[in-house]
Amino acid sequence: MFIWSLACIAILCCTESILAADVVAEADEQPTSFWETWWAPLAGIIMFYVVVSRRWMRLTHLPRFPWTFRPGTGLLFFAATLFAGIFGSVIGGLISGPLPDDSVGALNAEAALRVMTIVAFVSLLFQGVVLMLMPGWRSGHARGQADRRASVGSCILQGIIAIIIVLPIVLGLATVLQLITERVTGTPPDPLAHEALVALADGRDSAWFWGKAILVVLAAPIVEEVLYRGLLQESLRRHRVLMGGSPWGSIIGASIFFTVMHLGAVEWQAILPLFVLSLALGCVFARTGRLVAPIVMHMIFNGFNLFFII
């Protein structure tokens, strides 16, 4: 009961901190100070204590997966999907045209959002096609391999609970890094640390806003979780030479790759929080054995960030 009381306090404090900071920023148009955001790091510390005390990071007696693909096949299709995404981005760029030189102003902001939406859609489409061609997703159980995973509904619930716990940790860490950046450089960093959020904030009145929002909240989490957790993490875990069956080794390896692939899209102070989020996504996937759990977490996280720029 004490642990769950701390968890509830952390959630309420984190929500209050975010809402209060948003109100202050809109009223004064000034970056918030440490004393206006101290609840976020405190909430993160409380939630981290909950996770450690409950030993939720221990990955023992994991459910067996019924997927039949070999590690080498998974890694091959992982690389093929990345190349398909790059190729799709090029095709999307040719269809949409170049980005405007200056995104300031309603017309340029709308044009930039239009280009980014088309490029993201085509890239995700190409990646989705390659992922659907991956053998072993629906070919039945391997010989002697029973499906011991929890139900889909149970895994969805676990994903919801997990993101409620992880979100204060990620936000608290991001708050601390933003404050450190401001103290070192003397300039407050953009709180919208992802280029997609910046484009959505600048073009919130654009007709392309909801198209890009749907891609960010629904399509991207599905493709990225299938790619990084379903293919890369699971292939690394099964590979005897690379990871030797180590769950945390595969989670860390996949998270490093996940973070590196986002380097061009996020500010540097958001890199570590993104890595921590990826570790949580990988851990929940390992514990549940179903991609639906990290997908739900990823969708809620992206939707949470989008909510505060609408």
C-alpha atoms as a PDB file:
ATOM      1  CA  MET A   1       0.000   0.000   0.000  1.00  0.00           C
ATOM      2  CA  PHE A   2       2.873   2.391   0.797  1.00  0.00           C
ATOM      3  CA  ILE A   3       4.481   1.765  -2.602  1.00  0.00           C
ATOM      4  CA  TRP A   4       1.262   2.454  -4.484  1.00  0.00           C
ATOM      5  CA  SER A   5       0.642   5.577  -2.406  1.00  0.00           C
ATOM      6  CA  LEU A   6       4.037   6.892  -3.514  1.00  0.00           C
ATOM      7  CA  ALA A   7       3.157   6.053  -7.094  1.00  0.00           C
ATOM      8  CA  CYS A   8      -0.109   8.008  -6.898  1.00  0.00           C
ATOM      9  CA  ILE A   9       1.698  10.992  -5.360  1.00  0.00           C
ATOM     10  CA  ALA A  10       4.290  10.901  -8.149  1.00  0.00           C
ATOM     11  CA  ILE A  11       1.622  10.859 -10.857  1.00  0.00           C
ATOM     12  CA  LEU A  12      -0.326  13.750  -9.316  1.00  0.00           C
ATOM     13  CA  CYS A  13       2.820  15.803  -8.726  1.00  0.00           C
ATOM     14  CA  CYS A  14       4.094  15.235 -12.238  1.00  0.00           C
ATOM     15  CA  THR A  15       0.742  16.213 -13.776  1.00  0.00           C
ATOM     16  CA  GLU A  16       0.515  19.312 -11.595  1.00  0.00           C
ATOM     17  CA  SER A  17       4.063  20.292 -12.542  1.00  0.00           C
ATOM     18  CA  ILE A  18       3.407  20.004 -16.269  1.00  0.00           C
ATOM     19  CA  LEU A  19       0.123  21.898 -16.162  1.00  0.00           C
ATOM     20  CA  ALA A  20       1.547  24.638 -13.947  1.00  0.00           C
ATOM     21  CA  ALA A  21       4.622  25.035 -16.144  1.00  0.00           C
ATOM     22  CA  ASP A  22       2.421  25.250 -19.233  1.00  0.00           C
ATOM     23  CA  VAL A  23       0.274  27.971 -17.686  1.00  0.00           C
ATOM     24  CA  VAL A  24       3.300  29.982 -16.566  1.00  0.00           C
ATOM     25  CA  ALA A  25       4.950  29.687 -19.985  1.00  0.00           C
ATOM     26  CA  GLU A  26       1.787  30.874 -21.768  1.00  0.00           C
ATOM     27  CA  ALA A  27       1.238  33.754 -19.366  1.00  0.00           C
ATOM     28  CA  ASP A  28       4.774  35.111 -19.204  1.00  0.00           C
ATOM     29  CA  GLU A  29       6.267  33.651 -22.392  1.00  0.00           C
ATOM     30  CA  GLN A  30       9.376  32.940 -20.312  1.00  0.00           C
ATOM     31  CA  PRO A  31      11.101  29.644 -19.556  1.00  0.00           C
ATOM     32  CA  THR A  32      10.121  28.127 -16.227  1.00  0.00           C
ATOM     33  CA  SER A  33      12.617  28.087 -13.377  1.00  0.00           C
ATOM     34  CA  PHE A  34      13.710  25.164 -11.259  1.00  0.00           C
ATOM     35  CA  TRP A  35      11.280  26.113  -8.504  1.00  0.00           C
ATOM     36  CA  GLU A  36       8.404  25.933 -10.990  1.00  0.00           C
ATOM     37  CA  THR A  37       9.407  22.485 -12.245  1.00  0.00           C
ATOM     38  CA  TRP A  38      10.884  20.765  -9.202  1.00  0.00           C
ATOM     39  CA  TRP A  39       7.909  18.432  -8.918  1.00  0.00           C
ATOM     40  CA  ALA A  40       8.912  16.597 -12.115  1.00  0.00           C
ATOM     41  CA  PRO A  41      12.329  15.384 -10.860  1.00  0.00           C
ATOM     42  CA  LEU A  42      10.795  14.522  -7.474  1.00  0.00           C
ATOM     43  CA  ALA A  43       8.064  12.498  -9.163  1.00  0.00           C
ATOM     44  CA  GLY A  44      10.709  10.725 -11.233  1.00  0.00           C
ATOM     45  CA  ILE A  45      12.718   9.824  -8.125  1.00  0.00           C
ATOM     46  CA  ILE A  46       9.613   8.462  -6.421  1.00  0.00           C
ATOM     47  CA  MET A  47       8.694   6.340  -9.420  1.00  0.00           C
ATOM     48  CA  PHE A  48      12.254   5.069  -9.801  1.00  0.00           C
ATOM     49  CA  TYR A  49      12.167   4.009  -6.147  1.00  0.00           C
ATOM     50  CA  VAL A  50       8.894   2.180  -6.812  1.00  0.00           C
ATOM     51  CA  VAL A  51      10.420   0.323  -9.763  1.00  0.00           C
ATOM     52  CA  VAL A  52      13.576  -0.671  -7.875  1.00  0.00           C
ATOM     53  CA  SER A  53      11.791  -1.644  -4.658  1.00  0.00           C
ATOM     54  CA  ARG A  54       9.321  -3.839  -6.525  1.00  0.00           C
ATOM     55  CA  ARG A  55      12.168  -5.413  -8.551  1.00  0.00           C
ATOM     56  CA  TRP A  56      10.291  -4.870 -11.801  1.00  0.00           C
ATOM     57  CA  MET A  57      13.581  -4.741 -13.713  1.00  0.00           C
ATOM     58  CA  ARG A  58      14.343  -8.380 -12.940  1.00  0.00           C
ATOM     59  CA  LEU A  59      13.750 -10.407 -16.089  1.00  0.00           C
ATOM     60  CA  THR A  60      13.395 -13.981 -14.911  1.00  0.00           C
ATOM     61  CA  HIS A  61      10.884 -16.632 -16.027  1.00  0.00           C
ATOM     62  CA  LEU A  62      10.037 -14.736 -19.189  1.00  0.00           C
ATOM     63  CA  PRO A  63       7.187 -15.999 -21.386  1.00  0.00           C
ATOM     64  CA  ARG A  64       8.134 -18.057 -24.405  1.00  0.00           C
ATOM     65  CA  PHE A  65       7.412 -16.527 -27.799  1.00  0.00           C
ATOM     66  CA  PRO A  66       5.741 -18.537 -30.574  1.00  0.00           C
ATOM     67  CA  TRP A  67       7.568 -16.685 -33.371  1.00  0.00           C
ATOM     68  CA  THR A  68       9.554 -18.968 -35.623  1.00  0.00           C
ATOM     69  CA  PHE A  69      11.973 -16.619 -37.417  1.00  0.00           C
ATOM     70  CA  ARG A  70      15.689 -17.110 -37.015  1.00  0.00           C
ATOM     71  CA  PRO A  71      17.894 -14.349 -35.489  1.00  0.00           C
ATOM     72  CA  GLY A  72      19.762 -13.881 -38.756  1.00  0.00           C
ATOM     73  CA  THR A  73      16.491 -13.465 -40.660  1.00  0.00           C
ATOM     74  CA  GLY A  74      15.267 -10.936 -38.133  1.00  0.00           C
ATOM     75  CA  LEU A  75      18.451  -8.871 -38.375  1.00  0.00           C
ATOM     76  CA  LEU A  76      18.328  -9.042 -42.173  1.00  0.00           C
ATOM     77  CA  PHE A  77      14.761  -7.744 -42.279  1.00  0.00           C
ATOM     78  CA  PHE A  78      15.636  -5.113 -39.689  1.00  0.00           C
ATOM     79  CA  ALA A  79      18.302  -3.736 -42.020  1.00  0.00           C
ATOM     80  CA  ALA A  80      15.961  -4.069 -45.004  1.00  0.00           C
ATOM     81  CA  THR A  81      13.269  -2.111 -43.168  1.00  0.00           C
ATOM     82  CA  LEU A  82      15.697   0.691 -42.355  1.00  0.00           C
ATOM     83  CA  PHE A  83      16.719   0.942 -46.011  1.00  0.00           C
ATOM     84  CA  ALA A  84      13.033   0.868 -47.009  1.00  0.00           C
ATOM     85  CA  GLY A  85      12.417   3.810 -44.676  1.00  0.00           C
ATOM     86  CA  ILE A  86      15.280   5.777 -46.215  1.00  0.00           C
ATOM     87  CA  PHE A  87      14.087   4.970 -49.719  1.00  0.00           C
ATOM     88  CA  GLY A  88      10.544   5.935 -48.758  1.00  0.00           C
ATOM     89  CA  SER A  89      11.791   9.260 -47.397  1.00  0.00           C
ATOM     90  CA  VAL A  90      13.493   9.989 -50.718  1.00  0.00           C
ATOM     91  CA  ILE A  91      10.340   9.123 -52.671  1.00  0.00           C
ATOM     92  CA  GLY A  92       8.230  11.185 -50.269  1.00  0.00           C
ATOM     93  CA  GLY A  93      10.601  14.121 -50.711  1.00  0.00           C
ATOM     94  CA  LEU A  94      10.262  13.908 -54.482  1.00  0.00           C
ATOM     95  CA  ILE A  95       6.469  13.835 -54.206  1.00  0.00           C
ATOM     96  CA  SER A  96       6.142  16.671 -51.693  1.00  0.00           C
ATOM     97  CA  GLY A  97       8.924  18.941 -52.908  1.00  0.00           C
ATOM     98  CA  PRO A  98      11.688  20.592 -50.819  1.00  0.00           C
ATOM     99  CA  LEU A  99      11.201  22.075 -47.378  1.00  0.00           C
ATOM    100  CA  PRO A 100      10.765  25.886 -47.280  1.00  0.00           C
ATOM    101  CA  ASP A 101      13.922  27.795 -46.407  1.00  0.00           C
ATOM    102  CA  ASP A 102      12.269  29.514 -43.452  1.00  0.00           C
ATOM    103  CA  SER A 103       9.528  27.915 -41.372  1.00  0.00           C
ATOM    104  CA  VAL A 104       8.552  31.206 -39.731  1.00  0.00           C
ATOM    105  CA  GLY A 105       5.096  32.350 -40.748  1.00  0.00           C
ATOM    106  CA  ALA A 106       1.837  30.499 -41.238  1.00  0.00           C
ATOM    107  CA  LEU A 107       2.357  29.708 -44.930  1.00  0.00           C
ATOM    108  CA  ASN A 108       5.877  28.358 -44.524  1.00  0.00           C
ATOM    109  CA  ALA A 109       4.896  26.443 -41.374  1.00  0.00           C
ATOM    110  CA  GLU A 110       2.054  24.791 -43.273  1.00  0.00           C
ATOM    111  CA  ALA A 111       4.341  23.978 -46.186  1.00  0.00           C
ATOM    112  CA  ALA A 112       6.945  22.461 -43.853  1.00  0.00           C
ATOM    113  CA  LEU A 113       4.302  20.370 -42.104  1.00  0.00           C
ATOM    114  CA  ARG A 114       2.927  19.203 -45.459  1.00  0.00           C
ATOM    115  CA  VAL A 115       6.366  18.043 -46.602  1.00  0.00           C
ATOM    116  CA  MET A 116       7.127  16.311 -43.296  1.00  0.00           C
ATOM    117  CA  THR A 117       3.742  14.570 -43.280  1.00  0.00           C
ATOM    118  CA  ILE A 118       4.087  13.225 -46.812  1.00  0.00           C
ATOM    119  CA  VAL A 119       7.684  12.098 -46.257  1.00  0.00           C
ATOM    120  CA  ALA A 120       6.780  10.375 -42.969  1.00  0.00           C
ATOM    121  CA  PHE A 121       3.733   8.681 -44.509  1.00  0.00           C
ATOM    122  CA  VAL A 122       5.628   7.269 -47.487  1.00  0.00           C
ATOM    123  CA  SER A 123       8.555   6.193 -45.296  1.00  0.00           C
ATOM    124  CA  LEU A 124       6.288   4.405 -42.803  1.00  0.00           C
ATOM    125  CA  LEU A 125       4.341   2.827 -45.653  1.00  0.00           C
ATOM    126  CA  PHE A 126       7.483   1.368 -47.213  1.00  0.00           C
ATOM    127  CA  GLN A 127       8.666   0.108 -43.827  1.00  0.00           C
ATOM    128  CA  GLY A 128       5.289  -1.449 -43.093  1.00  0.00           C
ATOM    129  CA  VAL A 129       5.316  -3.357 -46.391  1.00  0.00           C
ATOM    130  CA  VAL A 130       8.741  -4.834 -45.646  1.00  0.00           C
ATOM    131  CA  LEU A 131       7.716  -5.792 -42.116  1.00  0.00           C
ATOM    132  CA  MET A 132       4.616  -7.561 -43.411  1.00  0.00           C
ATOM    133  CA  LEU A 133       6.832  -9.644 -45.721  1.00  0.00           C
ATOM    134  CA  MET A 134       8.878 -10.848 -42.747  1.00  0.00           C
ATOM    135  CA  PRO A 135       8.421 -14.642 -42.431  1.00  0.00           C
ATOM    136  CA  GLY A 136       7.627 -16.152 -39.055  1.00  0.00           C
ATOM    137  CA  TRP A 137       5.155 -13.608 -37.653  1.00  0.00           C
ATOM    138  CA  ARG A 138       2.070 -15.773 -38.169  1.00  0.00           C
ATOM    139  CA  SER A 139       3.402 -19.176 -39.180  1.00  0.00           C
ATOM    140  CA  GLY A 140       2.349 -20.919 -35.994  1.00  0.00           C
ATOM    141  CA  HIS A 141       4.334 -22.196 -33.030  1.00  0.00           C
ATOM    142  CA  ALA A 142       7.756 -23.676 -33.385  1.00  0.00           C
ATOM    143  CA  ARG A 143       7.993 -27.366 -32.608  1.00  0.00           C
ATOM    144  CA  GLY A 144       7.910 -27.897 -28.868  1.00  0.00           C
ATOM    145  CA  GLN A 145       7.384 -24.180 -28.205  1.00  0.00           C
ATOM    146  CA  ALA A 146       4.188 -23.335 -26.344  1.00  0.00           C
ATOM    147  CA  ASP A 147       2.707 -19.835 -26.187  1.00  0.00           C
ATOM    148  CA  ARG A 148       2.867 -18.913 -22.503  1.00  0.00           C
ATOM    149  CA  ARG A 149       2.193 -15.221 -22.851  1.00  0.00           C
ATOM    150  CA  ALA A 150      -0.569 -13.337 -21.080  1.00  0.00           C
ATOM    151  CA  SER A 151      -3.682 -12.353 -23.015  1.00  0.00           C
ATOM    152  CA  VAL A 152      -3.721  -9.316 -25.290  1.00  0.00           C
ATOM    153  CA  GLY A 153      -6.029  -7.453 -22.923  1.00  0.00           C
ATOM    154  CA  SER A 154      -3.743  -8.129 -19.977  1.00  0.00           C
ATOM    155  CA  CYS A 155      -0.706  -6.928 -21.937  1.00  0.00           C
ATOM    156  CA  ILE A 156      -2.512  -3.729 -22.942  1.00  0.00           C
ATOM    157  CA  LEU A 157      -3.275  -3.069 -19.268  1.00  0.00           C
ATOM    158  CA  GLN A 158       0.355  -3.752 -18.350  1.00  0.00           C
ATOM    159  CA  GLY A 159       1.463  -1.287 -21.017  1.00  0.00           C
ATOM    160  CA  ILE A 160      -0.831   1.411 -19.628  1.00  0.00           C
ATOM    161  CA  ILE A 161       0.402   0.859 -16.079  1.00  0.00           C
ATOM    162  CA  ALA A 162       4.019   0.803 -17.236  1.00  0.00           C
ATOM    163  CA  ILE A 163       3.854   4.146 -19.055  1.00  0.00           C
ATOM    164  CA  ILE A 164       2.151   5.738 -16.035  1.00  0.00           C
ATOM    165  CA  ILE A 165       5.149   4.628 -13.986  1.00  0.00           C
ATOM    166  CA  VAL A 166       7.840   5.451 -16.558  1.00  0.00           C
ATOM    167  CA  LEU A 167       6.499   8.833 -17.690  1.00  0.00           C
ATOM    168  CA  PRO A 168       7.471  10.738 -14.498  1.00  0.00           C
ATOM    169  CA  ILE A 169      10.978   9.246 -14.675  1.00  0.00           C
ATOM    170  CA  VAL A 170      11.460  10.357 -18.284  1.00  0.00           C
ATOM    171  CA  LEU A 171       9.956  13.804 -17.697  1.00  0.00           C
ATOM    172  CA  GLY A 172      11.913  14.327 -14.489  1.00  0.00           C
ATOM    173  CA  LEU A 173      15.178  13.437 -16.211  1.00  0.00           C
ATOM    174  CA  ALA A 174      14.311  15.712 -19.138  1.00  0.00           C
ATOM    175  CA  THR A 175      13.577  18.580 -16.749  1.00  0.00           C
ATOM    176  CA  VAL A 176      16.928  18.215 -14.993  1.00  0.00           C
ATOM    177  CA  LEU A 177      18.825  18.105 -18.298  1.00  0.00           C
ATOM    178  CA  GLN A 178      16.971  21.186 -19.563  1.00  0.00           C
ATOM    179  CA  LEU A 179      17.893  23.090 -16.417  1.00  0.00           C
ATOM    180  CA  ILE A 180      21.535  21.999 -16.707  1.00  0.00           C
ATOM    181  CA  THR A 181      21.593  23.072 -20.350  1.00  0.00           C
ATOM    182  CA  GLU A 182      20.181  26.473 -19.455  1.00  0.00           C
ATOM    183  CA  ARG A 183      22.743  26.978 -16.668  1.00  0.00           C
ATOM    184  CA  VAL A 184      25.679  25.964 -18.879  1.00  0.00           C
ATOM    185  CA  THR A 185      24.733  27.758 -22.092  1.00  0.00           C
ATOM    186  CA  GLY A 186      22.731  30.629 -20.629  1.00  0.00           C
ATOM    187  CA  THR A 187      19.980  29.925 -23.158  1.00  0.00           C
ATOM    188  CA  PRO A 188      16.912  27.861 -22.325  1.00  0.00           C
ATOM    189  CA  PRO A 189      16.532  24.919 -24.718  1.00  0.00           C
ATOM    190  CA  ASP A 190      13.373  24.404 -26.693  1.00  0.00           C
ATOM    191  CA  PRO A 191      11.029  22.279 -24.529  1.00  0.00           C
ATOM    192  CA  LEU A 192       9.743  20.727 -27.760  1.00  0.00           C
ATOM    193  CA  ALA A 193      12.882  18.691 -28.230  1.00  0.00           C
ATOM    194  CA  HIS A 194      11.645  16.700 -31.241  1.00  0.00           C
ATOM    195  CA  GLU A 195      11.427  18.140 -34.752  1.00  0.00           C
ATOM    196  CA  ALA A 196       7.997  16.572 -35.288  1.00  0.00           C
ATOM    197  CA  LEU A 197       6.601  18.349 -32.223  1.00  0.00           C
ATOM    198  CA  VAL A 198       8.152  21.634 -33.356  1.00  0.00           C
ATOM    199  CA  ALA A 199       6.565  21.270 -36.797  1.00  0.00           C
ATOM    200  CA  LEU A 200       3.200  20.422 -35.255  1.00  0.00           C
ATOM    201  CA  ALA A 201       3.388  23.374 -32.867  1.00  0.00           C
ATOM    202  CA  ASP A 202       4.263  25.789 -35.683  1.00  0.00           C
ATOM    203  CA  GLY A 203       1.559  24.412 -37.966  1.00  0.00           C
ATOM    204  CA  ARG A 204      -1.200  23.723 -35.473  1.00  0.00           C
ATOM    205  CA  ASP A 205      -3.633  25.726 -37.638  1.00  0.00           C
ATOM    206  CA  SER A 206      -2.655  23.851 -40.788  1.00  0.00           C
ATOM    207  CA  ALA A 207      -4.908  21.370 -42.563  1.00  0.00           C
ATOM    208  CA  TRP A 208      -2.011  18.903 -42.361  1.00  0.00           C
ATOM    209  CA  PHE A 209      -1.880  19.014 -38.552  1.00  0.00           C
ATOM    210  CA  TRP A 210      -4.131  16.045 -37.857  1.00  0.00           C
ATOM    211  CA  GLY A 211      -2.572  13.950 -40.600  1.00  0.00           C
ATOM    212  CA  LYS A 212       0.864  14.357 -39.046  1.00  0.00           C
ATOM    213  CA  ALA A 213      -0.602  13.870 -35.553  1.00  0.00           C
ATOM    214  CA  ILE A 214      -2.126  10.534 -36.563  1.00  0.00           C
ATOM    215  CA  LEU A 215       1.208   9.380 -37.946  1.00  0.00           C
ATOM    216  CA  VAL A 216       3.011  10.439 -34.748  1.00  0.00           C
ATOM    217  CA  VAL A 217       0.543   8.911 -32.303  1.00  0.00           C
ATOM    218  CA  LEU A 218      -0.690   5.810 -34.143  1.00  0.00           C
ATOM    219  CA  ALA A 219       1.438   4.784 -37.130  1.00  0.00           C
ATOM    220  CA  ALA A 220       4.991   5.535 -35.947  1.00  0.00           C
ATOM    221  CA  PRO A 221       4.689   3.644 -32.614  1.00  0.00           C
ATOM    222  CA  ILE A 222       3.449   0.519 -34.386  1.00  0.00           C
ATOM    223  CA  VAL A 223       6.213   0.494 -36.997  1.00  0.00           C
ATOM    224  CA  GLU A 224       8.986   1.460 -34.576  1.00  0.00           C
ATOM    225  CA  GLU A 225       8.040  -1.097 -31.920  1.00  0.00           C
ATOM    226  CA  VAL A 226       7.738  -3.918 -34.438  1.00  0.00           C
ATOM    227  CA  LEU A 227      11.093  -2.843 -35.877  1.00  0.00           C
ATOM    228  CA  TYR A 228      13.160  -2.191 -32.750  1.00  0.00           C
ATOM    229  CA  ARG A 229      11.526  -4.509 -30.248  1.00  0.00           C
ATOM    230  CA  GLY A 230       9.988  -7.260 -32.394  1.00  0.00           C
ATOM    231  CA  LEU A 231      12.863  -7.613 -34.837  1.00  0.00           C
ATOM    232  CA  LEU A 232      16.055  -6.115 -33.415  1.00  0.00           C
ATOM    233  CA  GLN A 233      15.652  -6.823 -29.694  1.00  0.00           C
ATOM    234  CA  GLU A 234      14.231 -10.301 -30.150  1.00  0.00           C
ATOM    235  CA  SER A 235      16.819 -11.221 -32.784  1.00  0.00           C
ATOM    236  CA  LEU A 236      19.642 -10.020 -30.535  1.00  0.00           C
ATOM    237  CA  ARG A 237      18.253 -11.986 -27.594  1.00  0.00           C
ATOM    238  CA  ARG A 238      18.052 -15.181 -29.627  1.00  0.00           C
ATOM    239  CA  HIS A 239      21.495 -14.733 -31.189  1.00  0.00           C
ATOM    240  CA  ARG A 240      23.877 -16.969 -29.259  1.00  0.00           C
ATOM    241  CA  VAL A 241      27.024 -15.168 -30.379  1.00  0.00           C
ATOM    242  CA  LEU A 242      25.904 -11.528 -29.989  1.00  0.00           C
ATOM    243  CA  MET A 243      23.940 -11.681 -26.714  1.00  0.00           C
ATOM    244  CA  GLY A 244      23.819 -15.303 -25.650  1.00  0.00           C
ATOM    245  CA  GLY A 245      20.176 -15.076 -24.623  1.00  0.00           C
ATOM    246  CA  SER A 246      20.670 -12.086 -22.318  1.00  0.00           C
ATOM    247  CA  PRO A 247      17.374 -10.144 -22.023  1.00  0.00           C
ATOM    248  CA  TRP A 248      18.972  -6.944 -20.742  1.00  0.00           C
ATOM    249  CA  GLY A 249      21.831  -7.171 -23.209  1.00  0.00           C
ATOM    250  CA  SER A 250      19.354  -7.246 -26.084  1.00  0.00           C
ATOM    251  CA  ILE A 251      17.257  -4.456 -24.537  1.00  0.00           C
ATOM    252  CA  ILE A 252      20.286  -2.189 -24.144  1.00  0.00           C
ATOM    253  CA  GLY A 253      21.555  -3.002 -27.630  1.00  0.00           C
ATOM    254  CA  ALA A 254      18.196  -2.263 -29.245  1.00  0.00           C
ATOM    255  CA  SER A 255      17.797   0.914 -27.159  1.00  0.00           C
ATOM    256  CA  ILE A 256      21.195   2.223 -28.230  1.00  0.00           C
ATOM    257  CA  PHE A 257      20.256   1.707 -31.864  1.00  0.00           C
ATOM    258  CA  PHE A 258      16.800   3.240 -31.287  1.00  0.00           C
ATOM    259  CA  THR A 259      18.362   6.331 -29.718  1.00  0.00           C
ATOM    260  CA  VAL A 260      21.054   6.700 -32.378  1.00  0.00           C
ATOM    261  CA  MET A 261      18.427   6.589 -35.138  1.00  0.00           C
ATOM    262  CA  HIS A 262      16.681   9.574 -33.487  1.00  0.00           C
ATOM    263  CA  LEU A 263      19.795  11.747 -33.155  1.00  0.00           C
ATOM    264  CA  GLY A 264      18.946  13.935 -36.110  1.00  0.00           C
ATOM    265  CA  ALA A 265      15.383  14.511 -34.927  1.00  0.00           C
ATOM    266  CA  VAL A 266      15.840  15.370 -31.233  1.00  0.00           C
ATOM    267  CA  GLU A 267      17.818  17.913 -29.230  1.00  0.00           C
ATOM    268  CA  TRP A 268      20.831  16.588 -27.354  1.00  0.00           C
ATOM    269  CA  GLN A 269      19.243  17.048 -23.913  1.00  0.00           C
ATOM    270  CA  ALA A 270      16.450  14.671 -24.974  1.00  0.00           C
ATOM    271  CA  ILE A 271      18.794  11.823 -25.913  1.00  0.00           C
ATOM    272  CA  LEU A 272      19.163  10.309 -22.428  1.00  0.00           C
ATOM    273  CA  PRO A 273      15.414  10.491 -21.605  1.00  0.00           C
ATOM    274  CA  LEU A 274      14.711   8.856 -24.965  1.00  0.00           C
ATOM    275  CA  PHE A 275      17.165   6.079 -24.137  1.00  0.00           C
ATOM    276  CA  VAL A 276      15.503   5.518 -20.744  1.00  0.00           C
ATOM    277  CA  LEU A 277      12.092   5.364 -22.420  1.00  0.00           C
ATOM    278  CA  SER A 278      13.422   2.789 -24.875  1.00  0.00           C
ATOM    279  CA  LEU A 279      14.785   0.680 -22.015  1.00  0.00           C
ATOM    280  CA  ALA A 280      11.321   0.681 -20.451  1.00  0.00           C
ATOM    281  CA  LEU A 281       9.675  -0.274 -23.748  1.00  0.00           C
ATOM    282  CA  GLY A 282      12.127  -3.135 -24.185  1.00  0.00           C
ATOM    283  CA  CYS A 283      11.689  -4.332 -20.610  1.00  0.00           C
ATOM    284  CA  VAL A 284       7.905  -4.428 -20.891  1.00  0.00           C
ATOM    285  CA  PHE A 285       8.149  -6.264 -24.203  1.00  0.00           C
ATOM    286  CA  ALA A 286      10.442  -8.862 -22.634  1.00  0.00           C
ATOM    287  CA  ARG A 287       8.139  -9.316 -19.640  1.00  0.00           C
ATOM    288  CA  THR A 288       4.930  -9.652 -21.660  1.00  0.00           C
ATOM    289  CA  GLY A 289       6.188 -11.228 -24.865  1.00  0.00           C
ATOM    290  CA  ARG A 290       3.685  -9.190 -26.870  1.00  0.00           C
ATOM    291  CA  LEU A 291       4.361  -6.126 -28.977  1.00  0.00           C
ATOM    292  CA  VAL A 292       0.994  -4.646 -28.043  1.00  0.00           C
ATOM    293  CA  ALA A 293       2.354  -3.611 -24.622  1.00  0.00           C
ATOM    294  CA  PRO A 294       5.237  -1.369 -25.845  1.00  0.00           C
ATOM    295  CA  ILE A 295       3.062  -0.134 -28.722  1.00  0.00           C
ATOM    296  CA  VAL A 296       0.438   1.094 -26.256  1.00  0.00           C
ATOM    297  CA  MET A 297       3.165   2.710 -24.132  1.00  0.00           C
ATOM    298  CA  HIS A 298       4.683   4.426 -27.163  1.00  0.00           C
ATOM    299  CA  MET A 299       1.279   5.678 -28.359  1.00  0.00           C
ATOM    300  CA  ILE A 300       0.410   7.119 -24.962  1.00  0.00           C
ATOM    301  CA  PHE A 301       3.811   8.797 -24.641  1.00  0.00           C
ATOM    302  CA  ASN A 302       3.557  10.429 -28.069  1.00  0.00           C
ATOM    303  CA  GLY A 303      -0.058  11.407 -27.436  1.00  0.00           C
ATOM    304  CA  PHE A 304       0.906  12.923 -24.088  1.00  0.00           C
ATOM    305  CA  ASN A 305       3.516  15.114 -25.741  1.00  0.00           C
ATOM    306  CA  LEU A 306       1.124  16.096 -28.503  1.00  0.00           C
ATOM    307  CA  PHE A 307      -1.607  17.032 -26.024  1.00  0.00           C
ATOM    308  CA  PHE A 308       0.346  19.997 -24.689  1.00  0.00           C
ATOM    309  CA  ILE A 309       0.806  21.654 -28.089  1.00  0.00           C
ATOM    310  CA  ILE A 310      -2.798  21.387 -29.282  1.00  0.00           C
END
